[in-house]
Amino acid sequence: MKIKKKPCKGIFKNQKEMFDYIWETRPHISELSGDPLLPKGHFKWHWQFLHVLPKGSYQSYKLNPDNILLALPHEHEKQEQYKAFNDKKEVLRMAYLNDVNIKH
């Protein structure tokens, strides 16, 4: 699979556009377990895009591909049990706080 260069943050109009970009640019394996993901077109395909920082609480990170981990639907439901998820969450929280402090 050819990996495309990552664009700047904030260029996506909606989640579908961002999910399609992520699907085209990342390996199709779970970032939590390493297991193969469901194929595009599967009825649970979109459940494999896990927002690390909740999109309701962190609106500015909703369409940020760095805030998305690829995971199988059953992993998405118990994301807090995975070290990779918790590590990424802490890194993103620090980046978010830094972004907020820079703007104020």
C-alpha atoms as a PDB file:
ATOM      1  CA  MET A   1       0.000   0.000   0.000  1.00  0.00           C
ATOM      2  CA  LYS A   2       1.346   3.422  -0.949  1.00  0.00           C
ATOM      3  CA  ILE A   3       1.318   5.922   1.912  1.00  0.00           C
ATOM      4  CA  LYS A   4       0.373   9.477   0.948  1.00  0.00           C
ATOM      5  CA  LYS A   5       1.842  12.576   2.553  1.00  0.00           C
ATOM      6  CA  LYS A   6      -0.193  13.866   5.492  1.00  0.00           C
ATOM      7  CA  PRO A   7      -1.950  17.202   4.891  1.00  0.00           C
ATOM      8  CA  CYS A   8      -2.147  20.087   7.341  1.00  0.00           C
ATOM      9  CA  LYS A   9      -4.690  19.903  10.170  1.00  0.00           C
ATOM     10  CA  GLY A  10      -8.072  21.484   9.578  1.00  0.00           C
ATOM     11  CA  ILE A  11      -8.503  20.741   5.884  1.00  0.00           C
ATOM     12  CA  PHE A  12     -11.341  18.245   6.213  1.00  0.00           C
ATOM     13  CA  LYS A  13     -14.958  19.328   5.759  1.00  0.00           C
ATOM     14  CA  ASN A  14     -16.454  16.335   7.588  1.00  0.00           C
ATOM     15  CA  GLN A  15     -15.640  13.017   9.270  1.00  0.00           C
ATOM     16  CA  LYS A  16     -16.277  10.970   6.135  1.00  0.00           C
ATOM     17  CA  GLU A  17     -13.656  12.944   4.244  1.00  0.00           C
ATOM     18  CA  MET A  18     -11.170  12.527   7.097  1.00  0.00           C
ATOM     19  CA  PHE A  19     -11.935   8.803   7.487  1.00  0.00           C
ATOM     20  CA  ASP A  20     -11.413   8.240   3.754  1.00  0.00           C
ATOM     21  CA  TYR A  21      -8.063  10.049   3.948  1.00  0.00           C
ATOM     22  CA  ILE A  22      -6.965   7.986   6.956  1.00  0.00           C
ATOM     23  CA  TRP A  23      -8.011   4.770   5.209  1.00  0.00           C
ATOM     24  CA  GLU A  24      -5.923   5.714   2.155  1.00  0.00           C
ATOM     25  CA  THR A  25      -2.836   6.645   4.151  1.00  0.00           C
ATOM     26  CA  ARG A  26      -2.561   4.143   6.998  1.00  0.00           C
ATOM     27  CA  PRO A  27      -2.096   0.381   7.117  1.00  0.00           C
ATOM     28  CA  HIS A  28      -5.386  -1.473   7.557  1.00  0.00           C
ATOM     29  CA  ILE A  29      -4.511  -2.953  10.928  1.00  0.00           C
ATOM     30  CA  SER A  30      -5.728  -2.132  14.419  1.00  0.00           C
ATOM     31  CA  GLU A  31      -3.432   0.298  16.193  1.00  0.00           C
ATOM     32  CA  LEU A  32      -4.455  -1.366  19.458  1.00  0.00           C
ATOM     33  CA  SER A  33      -4.036  -5.070  18.693  1.00  0.00           C
ATOM     34  CA  GLY A  34      -2.319  -5.330  15.297  1.00  0.00           C
ATOM     35  CA  ASP A  35      -5.227  -7.390  13.936  1.00  0.00           C
ATOM     36  CA  PRO A  36      -6.541  -6.778  10.384  1.00  0.00           C
ATOM     37  CA  LEU A  37      -9.400  -4.270  10.105  1.00  0.00           C
ATOM     38  CA  LEU A  38     -12.772  -4.853   8.481  1.00  0.00           C
ATOM     39  CA  PRO A  39     -12.835  -3.961   4.768  1.00  0.00           C
ATOM     40  CA  LYS A  40     -14.261  -0.710   3.448  1.00  0.00           C
ATOM     41  CA  GLY A  41     -17.928  -1.303   2.696  1.00  0.00           C
ATOM     42  CA  HIS A  42     -18.498  -3.450   5.788  1.00  0.00           C
ATOM     43  CA  PHE A  43     -21.485  -2.115   7.751  1.00  0.00           C
ATOM     44  CA  LYS A  44     -19.240  -1.506  10.800  1.00  0.00           C
ATOM     45  CA  TRP A  45     -16.367   0.033   8.798  1.00  0.00           C
ATOM     46  CA  HIS A  46     -16.840   3.546  10.222  1.00  0.00           C
ATOM     47  CA  TRP A  47     -16.763   2.165  13.801  1.00  0.00           C
ATOM     48  CA  GLN A  48     -13.054   1.463  13.293  1.00  0.00           C
ATOM     49  CA  PHE A  49     -12.162   5.177  13.531  1.00  0.00           C
ATOM     50  CA  LEU A  50     -11.719   5.882  17.216  1.00  0.00           C
ATOM     51  CA  HIS A  51     -11.559   9.478  18.460  1.00  0.00           C
ATOM     52  CA  VAL A  52      -8.975   9.446  21.232  1.00  0.00           C
ATOM     53  CA  LEU A  53     -10.075  12.777  22.703  1.00  0.00           C
ATOM     54  CA  PRO A  54     -13.895  12.854  22.671  1.00  0.00           C
ATOM     55  CA  LYS A  55     -15.167  14.962  19.780  1.00  0.00           C
ATOM     56  CA  GLY A  56     -17.843  16.578  21.952  1.00  0.00           C
ATOM     57  CA  SER A  57     -15.383  17.811  24.568  1.00  0.00           C
ATOM     58  CA  TYR A  58     -12.548  18.624  22.167  1.00  0.00           C
ATOM     59  CA  GLN A  59     -14.327  20.142  19.155  1.00  0.00           C
ATOM     60  CA  SER A  60     -11.120  21.530  17.656  1.00  0.00           C
ATOM     61  CA  TYR A  61      -9.727  17.970  17.462  1.00  0.00           C
ATOM     62  CA  LYS A  62     -12.850  16.396  15.911  1.00  0.00           C
ATOM     63  CA  LEU A  63     -11.435  16.549  12.368  1.00  0.00           C
ATOM     64  CA  ASN A  64      -7.790  16.144  13.345  1.00  0.00           C
ATOM     65  CA  PRO A  65      -6.447  12.832  11.982  1.00  0.00           C
ATOM     66  CA  ASP A  66      -3.910  12.727  14.819  1.00  0.00           C
ATOM     67  CA  ASN A  67      -6.893  12.273  17.157  1.00  0.00           C
ATOM     68  CA  ILE A  68      -7.956   9.062  15.390  1.00  0.00           C
ATOM     69  CA  LEU A  69      -6.738   5.548  16.072  1.00  0.00           C
ATOM     70  CA  LEU A  70      -7.787   2.650  13.866  1.00  0.00           C
ATOM     71  CA  ALA A  71      -9.286  -0.178  15.913  1.00  0.00           C
ATOM     72  CA  LEU A  72     -11.758  -3.008  15.487  1.00  0.00           C
ATOM     73  CA  PRO A  73     -15.319  -2.320  16.666  1.00  0.00           C
ATOM     74  CA  HIS A  74     -15.013  -4.578  19.725  1.00  0.00           C
ATOM     75  CA  GLU A  75     -11.752  -2.801  20.681  1.00  0.00           C
ATOM     76  CA  HIS A  76     -13.424   0.592  20.278  1.00  0.00           C
ATOM     77  CA  GLU A  77     -15.951  -0.403  22.938  1.00  0.00           C
ATOM     78  CA  LYS A  78     -13.194  -1.105  25.509  1.00  0.00           C
ATOM     79  CA  GLN A  79     -10.567   1.376  24.345  1.00  0.00           C
ATOM     80  CA  GLU A  80      -9.540   2.419  27.881  1.00  0.00           C
ATOM     81  CA  GLN A  81      -8.150  -1.101  28.455  1.00  0.00           C
ATOM     82  CA  TYR A  82      -5.397  -0.598  25.854  1.00  0.00           C
ATOM     83  CA  LYS A  83      -2.068   0.999  26.755  1.00  0.00           C
ATOM     84  CA  ALA A  84      -1.649   2.374  23.213  1.00  0.00           C
ATOM     85  CA  PHE A  85      -4.940   4.250  23.572  1.00  0.00           C
ATOM     86  CA  ASN A  86      -4.092   5.698  26.994  1.00  0.00           C
ATOM     87  CA  ASP A  87      -0.598   6.715  25.882  1.00  0.00           C
ATOM     88  CA  LYS A  88      -1.977   8.490  22.806  1.00  0.00           C
ATOM     89  CA  LYS A  89      -4.685  10.159  24.901  1.00  0.00           C
ATOM     90  CA  GLU A  90      -2.104  11.641  27.265  1.00  0.00           C
ATOM     91  CA  VAL A  91       0.027  12.956  24.382  1.00  0.00           C
ATOM     92  CA  LEU A  92      -3.027  14.526  22.726  1.00  0.00           C
ATOM     93  CA  ARG A  93      -4.237  16.089  25.984  1.00  0.00           C
ATOM     94  CA  MET A  94      -0.862  17.776  26.407  1.00  0.00           C
ATOM     95  CA  ALA A  95      -0.926  18.984  22.783  1.00  0.00           C
ATOM     96  CA  TYR A  96      -4.467  20.306  23.250  1.00  0.00           C
ATOM     97  CA  LEU A  97      -3.526  22.182  26.422  1.00  0.00           C
ATOM     98  CA  ASN A  98      -0.518  23.617  24.630  1.00  0.00           C
ATOM     99  CA  ASP A  99      -2.742  24.736  21.717  1.00  0.00           C
ATOM    100  CA  VAL A 100      -5.219  26.345  24.131  1.00  0.00           C
ATOM    101  CA  ASN A 101      -2.460  28.156  26.044  1.00  0.00           C
ATOM    102  CA  ILE A 102      -0.881  29.479  22.843  1.00  0.00           C
ATOM    103  CA  LYS A 103      -4.223  30.951  21.701  1.00  0.00           C
ATOM    104  CA  HIS A 104      -4.786  32.790  25.022  1.00  0.00           C
END
